[in-house]
Amino acid sequence: MSVQAQFDKAVAIVQGLPKDGPVQPTQEDKLAFYGAFKQANEGDVSGPAPGMFDFVGKAKYKAWKELEGTSKDDAKKRYVDLLKAVLQKQDDESSKKYLAEIEAAA
């Protein structure tokens, strides 16, 4: 099973989700996607945390920082697993199509 291929497909799906479509990740899900994506592509967080009034930046930094020490491959698996969980909760035709695409990428 190719983790990279599934990760690439999952990223394409998440980035292509319509804002008003049937699959709507929560804010918490979006932060988890962000953290896993950054860890998978860049490794451990670097640089100082954003300032105290940059609430969005701090939330993103925290989501990434929580995965510190996680390997890039494990972060990719985490991203794919998170998307699968979001899609399985929806249980509609769009979600089933996306799940099939992820499995086909394996």
N, C-alpha and C. Protein backbone atom coordinates (compact mmCIF):
# COMPACT_ATOMS: atom_id res chain seq x y z
N MET A 1 0.84 -1.18 0.00
CA MET A 1 0.00 0.00 0.00
C MET A 1 0.89 1.24 0.00
N SER A 2 0.68 2.09 -0.92
CA SER A 2 1.51 3.28 -1.05
C SER A 2 0.95 4.43 -0.20
N VAL A 3 1.64 4.70 0.88
CA VAL A 3 1.21 5.78 1.77
C VAL A 3 1.27 7.11 1.03
N GLN A 4 2.31 7.31 0.23
CA GLN A 4 2.46 8.57 -0.50
C GLN A 4 1.31 8.79 -1.47
N ALA A 5 0.93 7.75 -2.20
CA ALA A 5 -0.16 7.87 -3.17
C ALA A 5 -1.48 8.18 -2.48
N GLN A 6 -1.75 7.51 -1.36
CA GLN A 6 -2.98 7.79 -0.61
C GLN A 6 -2.96 9.20 -0.04
N PHE A 7 -1.81 9.61 0.46
CA PHE A 7 -1.67 10.96 1.02
C PHE A 7 -1.91 12.00 -0.06
N ASP A 8 -1.30 11.81 -1.22
CA ASP A 8 -1.48 12.76 -2.33
C ASP A 8 -2.95 12.85 -2.74
N LYS A 9 -3.63 11.71 -2.81
CA LYS A 9 -5.04 11.69 -3.17
C LYS A 9 -5.87 12.37 -2.08
N ALA A 10 -5.56 12.10 -0.83
CA ALA A 10 -6.30 12.71 0.29
C ALA A 10 -6.13 14.23 0.28
N VAL A 11 -4.93 14.70 0.04
CA VAL A 11 -4.67 16.15 -0.03
C VAL A 11 -5.49 16.77 -1.16
N ALA A 12 -5.50 16.11 -2.31
CA ALA A 12 -6.27 16.63 -3.45
C ALA A 12 -7.76 16.69 -3.12
N ILE A 13 -8.25 15.68 -2.42
CA ILE A 13 -9.67 15.67 -2.04
C ILE A 13 -9.98 16.79 -1.07
N VAL A 14 -9.17 16.93 -0.03
CA VAL A 14 -9.42 17.97 0.98
C VAL A 14 -9.35 19.36 0.35
N GLN A 15 -8.34 19.58 -0.48
CA GLN A 15 -8.20 20.90 -1.10
C GLN A 15 -9.32 21.17 -2.10
N GLY A 16 -9.93 20.12 -2.64
CA GLY A 16 -10.98 20.29 -3.63
C GLY A 16 -12.40 20.26 -3.08
N LEU A 17 -12.53 20.09 -1.76
CA LEU A 17 -13.88 20.05 -1.18
C LEU A 17 -14.58 21.39 -1.37
N PRO A 18 -15.78 21.37 -1.96
CA PRO A 18 -16.50 22.64 -2.12
C PRO A 18 -16.94 23.19 -0.76
N LYS A 19 -16.85 24.51 -0.61
CA LYS A 19 -17.20 25.14 0.66
C LYS A 19 -18.65 24.89 1.05
N ASP A 20 -19.52 24.70 0.06
CA ASP A 20 -20.93 24.46 0.36
C ASP A 20 -21.34 23.03 0.01
N GLY A 21 -20.36 22.13 -0.08
CA GLY A 21 -20.64 20.74 -0.44
C GLY A 21 -21.12 19.92 0.74
N PRO A 22 -21.43 18.66 0.48
CA PRO A 22 -21.96 17.80 1.53
C PRO A 22 -20.93 17.40 2.59
N VAL A 23 -19.66 17.40 2.24
CA VAL A 23 -18.60 17.03 3.19
C VAL A 23 -18.02 18.31 3.78
N GLN A 24 -18.26 18.51 5.07
CA GLN A 24 -17.81 19.71 5.76
C GLN A 24 -17.00 19.34 7.00
N PRO A 25 -15.67 19.35 6.90
CA PRO A 25 -14.87 19.09 8.10
C PRO A 25 -15.08 20.19 9.13
N THR A 26 -15.03 19.82 10.40
CA THR A 26 -15.15 20.80 11.48
C THR A 26 -13.88 21.64 11.55
N GLN A 27 -13.93 22.71 12.32
CA GLN A 27 -12.74 23.53 12.52
C GLN A 27 -11.63 22.70 13.14
N GLU A 28 -12.00 21.84 14.07
CA GLU A 28 -11.02 20.95 14.71
C GLU A 28 -10.39 20.01 13.68
N ASP A 29 -11.22 19.48 12.78
CA ASP A 29 -10.71 18.61 11.71
C ASP A 29 -9.74 19.37 10.82
N LYS A 30 -10.10 20.60 10.47
CA LYS A 30 -9.24 21.40 9.60
C LYS A 30 -7.88 21.65 10.23
N LEU A 31 -7.87 21.91 11.54
CA LEU A 31 -6.59 22.11 12.24
C LEU A 31 -5.79 20.81 12.26
N ALA A 32 -6.46 19.69 12.45
CA ALA A 32 -5.77 18.40 12.45
C ALA A 32 -5.18 18.11 11.06
N PHE A 33 -5.94 18.43 10.00
CA PHE A 33 -5.42 18.28 8.64
C PHE A 33 -4.18 19.15 8.46
N TYR A 34 -4.27 20.39 8.92
CA TYR A 34 -3.15 21.32 8.78
C TYR A 34 -1.90 20.78 9.47
N GLY A 35 -2.05 20.37 10.73
CA GLY A 35 -0.91 19.86 11.48
C GLY A 35 -0.28 18.64 10.83
N ALA A 36 -1.12 17.70 10.40
CA ALA A 36 -0.59 16.49 9.77
C ALA A 36 0.07 16.81 8.43
N PHE A 37 -0.52 17.73 7.67
CA PHE A 37 0.05 18.12 6.38
C PHE A 37 1.43 18.75 6.57
N LYS A 38 1.53 19.68 7.51
CA LYS A 38 2.81 20.35 7.75
C LYS A 38 3.86 19.36 8.26
N GLN A 39 3.47 18.47 9.17
CA GLN A 39 4.41 17.49 9.71
C GLN A 39 4.86 16.54 8.60
N ALA A 40 3.95 16.14 7.73
CA ALA A 40 4.26 15.22 6.64
C ALA A 40 5.20 15.85 5.62
N ASN A 41 5.08 17.14 5.40
CA ASN A 41 5.88 17.80 4.37
C ASN A 41 7.13 18.49 4.89
N GLU A 42 7.09 18.99 6.11
CA GLU A 42 8.22 19.76 6.63
C GLU A 42 8.89 19.16 7.85
N GLY A 43 8.25 18.21 8.50
CA GLY A 43 8.80 17.65 9.73
C GLY A 43 8.42 18.53 10.92
N ASP A 44 9.21 18.45 11.97
CA ASP A 44 8.88 19.17 13.21
C ASP A 44 8.78 20.67 12.99
N VAL A 45 7.90 21.27 13.78
CA VAL A 45 7.68 22.71 13.72
C VAL A 45 8.98 23.45 14.02
N SER A 46 9.18 24.56 13.33
CA SER A 46 10.38 25.36 13.57
C SER A 46 9.97 26.81 13.69
N GLY A 47 10.81 27.58 14.32
CA GLY A 47 10.52 29.00 14.48
C GLY A 47 9.68 29.26 15.71
N PRO A 48 9.59 30.53 16.05
CA PRO A 48 8.83 30.90 17.25
C PRO A 48 7.32 30.81 17.03
N ALA A 49 6.60 30.65 18.12
CA ALA A 49 5.13 30.63 18.05
C ALA A 49 4.64 32.02 17.67
N PRO A 50 3.50 32.11 16.99
CA PRO A 50 2.93 33.41 16.63
C PRO A 50 2.58 34.23 17.88
N GLY A 51 2.42 35.50 17.68
CA GLY A 51 2.10 36.40 18.79
C GLY A 51 0.76 36.09 19.42
N MET A 52 0.54 36.63 20.61
CA MET A 52 -0.65 36.28 21.38
C MET A 52 -1.95 36.76 20.76
N PHE A 53 -1.92 37.72 19.86
CA PHE A 53 -3.15 38.20 19.24
C PHE A 53 -3.40 37.58 17.86
N ASP A 54 -2.49 36.70 17.44
CA ASP A 54 -2.67 35.97 16.17
C ASP A 54 -3.32 34.63 16.51
N PHE A 55 -4.63 34.66 16.73
CA PHE A 55 -5.34 33.48 17.21
C PHE A 55 -5.32 32.33 16.20
N VAL A 56 -5.50 32.65 14.94
CA VAL A 56 -5.48 31.61 13.90
C VAL A 56 -4.08 31.01 13.79
N GLY A 57 -3.08 31.88 13.74
CA GLY A 57 -1.70 31.40 13.66
C GLY A 57 -1.32 30.54 14.85
N LYS A 58 -1.77 30.93 16.03
CA LYS A 58 -1.47 30.14 17.24
C LYS A 58 -2.14 28.78 17.18
N ALA A 59 -3.38 28.74 16.70
CA ALA A 59 -4.10 27.46 16.61
C ALA A 59 -3.40 26.53 15.61
N LYS A 60 -2.97 27.08 14.49
CA LYS A 60 -2.26 26.28 13.50
C LYS A 60 -0.93 25.79 14.05
N TYR A 61 -0.20 26.68 14.70
CA TYR A 61 1.09 26.33 15.29
C TYR A 61 0.91 25.20 16.30
N LYS A 62 -0.11 25.31 17.15
CA LYS A 62 -0.37 24.30 18.17
C LYS A 62 -0.71 22.95 17.53
N ALA A 63 -1.53 22.97 16.47
CA ALA A 63 -1.91 21.73 15.78
C ALA A 63 -0.69 21.03 15.20
N TRP A 64 0.24 21.81 14.68
CA TRP A 64 1.47 21.24 14.13
C TRP A 64 2.40 20.78 15.24
N LYS A 65 2.54 21.60 16.27
CA LYS A 65 3.45 21.31 17.39
C LYS A 65 3.06 20.01 18.11
N GLU A 66 1.75 19.72 18.15
CA GLU A 66 1.28 18.49 18.81
C GLU A 66 1.82 17.23 18.13
N LEU A 67 2.22 17.34 16.88
CA LEU A 67 2.74 16.17 16.15
C LEU A 67 4.26 16.11 16.15
N GLU A 68 4.88 16.98 16.91
CA GLU A 68 6.35 17.00 16.97
C GLU A 68 6.88 15.62 17.34
N GLY A 69 7.86 15.16 16.59
CA GLY A 69 8.45 13.84 16.82
C GLY A 69 7.80 12.74 15.99
N THR A 70 6.69 13.05 15.33
CA THR A 70 6.02 12.09 14.46
C THR A 70 6.76 12.03 13.13
N SER A 71 6.99 10.82 12.63
CA SER A 71 7.69 10.70 11.35
C SER A 71 6.80 11.24 10.23
N LYS A 72 7.43 11.57 9.12
CA LYS A 72 6.68 12.09 7.98
C LYS A 72 5.68 11.04 7.47
N ASP A 73 6.10 9.78 7.41
CA ASP A 73 5.19 8.72 6.95
C ASP A 73 4.01 8.55 7.90
N ASP A 74 4.27 8.60 9.21
CA ASP A 74 3.17 8.48 10.18
C ASP A 74 2.22 9.67 10.07
N ALA A 75 2.74 10.85 9.80
CA ALA A 75 1.89 12.03 9.62
C ALA A 75 1.03 11.88 8.37
N LYS A 76 1.59 11.30 7.32
CA LYS A 76 0.81 11.06 6.10
C LYS A 76 -0.32 10.08 6.37
N LYS A 77 -0.01 9.00 7.11
CA LYS A 77 -1.04 8.02 7.48
C LYS A 77 -2.12 8.69 8.32
N ARG A 78 -1.71 9.53 9.24
CA ARG A 78 -2.65 10.24 10.11
C ARG A 78 -3.60 11.11 9.28
N TYR A 79 -3.06 11.81 8.30
CA TYR A 79 -3.86 12.67 7.42
C TYR A 79 -4.90 11.84 6.67
N VAL A 80 -4.47 10.73 6.10
CA VAL A 80 -5.37 9.85 5.35
C VAL A 80 -6.44 9.28 6.29
N ASP A 81 -6.04 8.82 7.46
CA ASP A 81 -6.99 8.26 8.42
C ASP A 81 -8.00 9.30 8.88
N LEU A 82 -7.55 10.53 9.08
CA LEU A 82 -8.46 11.61 9.48
C LEU A 82 -9.50 11.86 8.40
N LEU A 83 -9.06 11.91 7.15
CA LEU A 83 -10.01 12.13 6.06
C LEU A 83 -11.00 10.97 5.97
N LYS A 84 -10.51 9.75 6.11
CA LYS A 84 -11.41 8.59 6.08
C LYS A 84 -12.47 8.70 7.18
N ALA A 85 -12.05 9.10 8.37
CA ALA A 85 -13.00 9.23 9.50
C ALA A 85 -14.04 10.30 9.21
N VAL A 86 -13.62 11.44 8.66
CA VAL A 86 -14.56 12.51 8.31
C VAL A 86 -15.55 12.02 7.27
N LEU A 87 -15.06 11.32 6.26
CA LEU A 87 -15.92 10.83 5.19
C LEU A 87 -16.89 9.75 5.67
N GLN A 88 -16.42 8.88 6.56
CA GLN A 88 -17.28 7.82 7.07
C GLN A 88 -18.41 8.39 7.93
N LYS A 89 -18.17 9.50 8.61
CA LYS A 89 -19.23 10.15 9.40
C LYS A 89 -20.33 10.69 8.49
N GLN A 90 -19.95 11.18 7.31
CA GLN A 90 -20.92 11.78 6.39
C GLN A 90 -21.84 10.72 5.80
N ASP A 91 -21.28 9.61 5.37
CA ASP A 91 -22.03 8.48 4.81
C ASP A 91 -23.02 8.91 3.71
N ASP A 92 -22.52 9.67 2.74
CA ASP A 92 -23.34 10.02 1.57
C ASP A 92 -22.59 9.58 0.31
N GLU A 93 -23.19 9.83 -0.84
CA GLU A 93 -22.59 9.37 -2.10
C GLU A 93 -21.23 10.02 -2.37
N SER A 94 -21.11 11.31 -2.11
CA SER A 94 -19.83 12.00 -2.32
C SER A 94 -18.75 11.38 -1.45
N SER A 95 -19.08 11.14 -0.19
CA SER A 95 -18.10 10.57 0.74
C SER A 95 -17.67 9.18 0.29
N LYS A 96 -18.63 8.37 -0.15
CA LYS A 96 -18.31 7.02 -0.61
C LYS A 96 -17.41 7.07 -1.84
N LYS A 97 -17.65 8.04 -2.72
CA LYS A 97 -16.81 8.19 -3.91
C LYS A 97 -15.38 8.57 -3.51
N TYR A 98 -15.25 9.51 -2.58
CA TYR A 98 -13.92 9.92 -2.12
C TYR A 98 -13.19 8.76 -1.43
N LEU A 99 -13.91 7.99 -0.61
CA LEU A 99 -13.29 6.85 0.06
C LEU A 99 -12.78 5.83 -0.96
N ALA A 100 -13.56 5.59 -2.00
CA ALA A 100 -13.14 4.66 -3.06
C ALA A 100 -11.89 5.17 -3.77
N GLU A 101 -11.81 6.48 -3.98
CA GLU A 101 -10.63 7.06 -4.64
C GLU A 101 -9.38 6.88 -3.79
N ILE A 102 -9.53 7.05 -2.48
CA ILE A 102 -8.38 6.88 -1.58
C ILE A 102 -7.93 5.43 -1.60
N GLU A 103 -8.87 4.49 -1.52
CA GLU A 103 -8.52 3.07 -1.53
C GLU A 103 -7.88 2.68 -2.87
N ALA A 104 -8.36 3.25 -3.96
CA ALA A 104 -7.80 2.94 -5.28
C ALA A 104 -6.37 3.44 -5.42
N ALA A 105 -6.01 4.46 -4.67
CA ALA A 105 -4.66 5.02 -4.74
C ALA A 105 -3.64 4.14 -4.02
N ALA A 106 -4.12 3.19 -3.25
CA ALA A 106 -3.22 2.35 -2.44
C ALA A 106 -2.34 1.47 -3.30
